[in-house]
């Protein structure tokens, strides 16, 4: 395995989730699958979309809120840029952000990068696990944060401490049950990482 091929969200109400992801435009980035496995609280991951300017942050966040998402962190400026965090009706946490602080033109809705952030109990241990399975480290900050090379994948995978990730999302760190996410990766068979995130075989499909 050298790349993440797909992100599948497991949802309790497949029809409702499909309506939300279609209306919000976020459905282009994830697959949906029905599941009634219990899950409460923080599920240990966030999905992030990086865009080029604040206007695109507002466009994407507003579309999600209009479709039924709930604000966790209102869109605002910060020392690193501009962004906001919201929770989809199925419970998935999304962050939309840009490093730019000023608009250079009208919003386009174009997404520059899709990042899956996994909250790891031990970032170093989980990093080692993924390196042994073929992923290449692109960026690392000790035991706090690791980013893997995406290659041809439409999704960039990164690791962050679980507690730090929950704080960044604006939610309590506690959570139990299923992560409600299944990751697809090139390679035979399926496996589960040290934090309980499940992987299954899938082929990388690059965007046109």
Foldseek 3Di string as FASTA:
>chain_A
DAAWAAKEFEFQDQVLVVQLCVQLVVVVHHHYHYDDWDKDFALFKAKEFEDAAPLLQCSNVVSNVVSPWAFQADWDADPQFTWGWIAHPRGHIYIYTYSHHHDPDHHDNDTPAMEMEGADQWQVQQVVVVVVVHWAWPDDDPRAKTWTDRVQARYTYMYGHQCVVCVVNNTHSDMDIHSRMEIEDDDDAKDATPVGHIYGHDDHDHDD
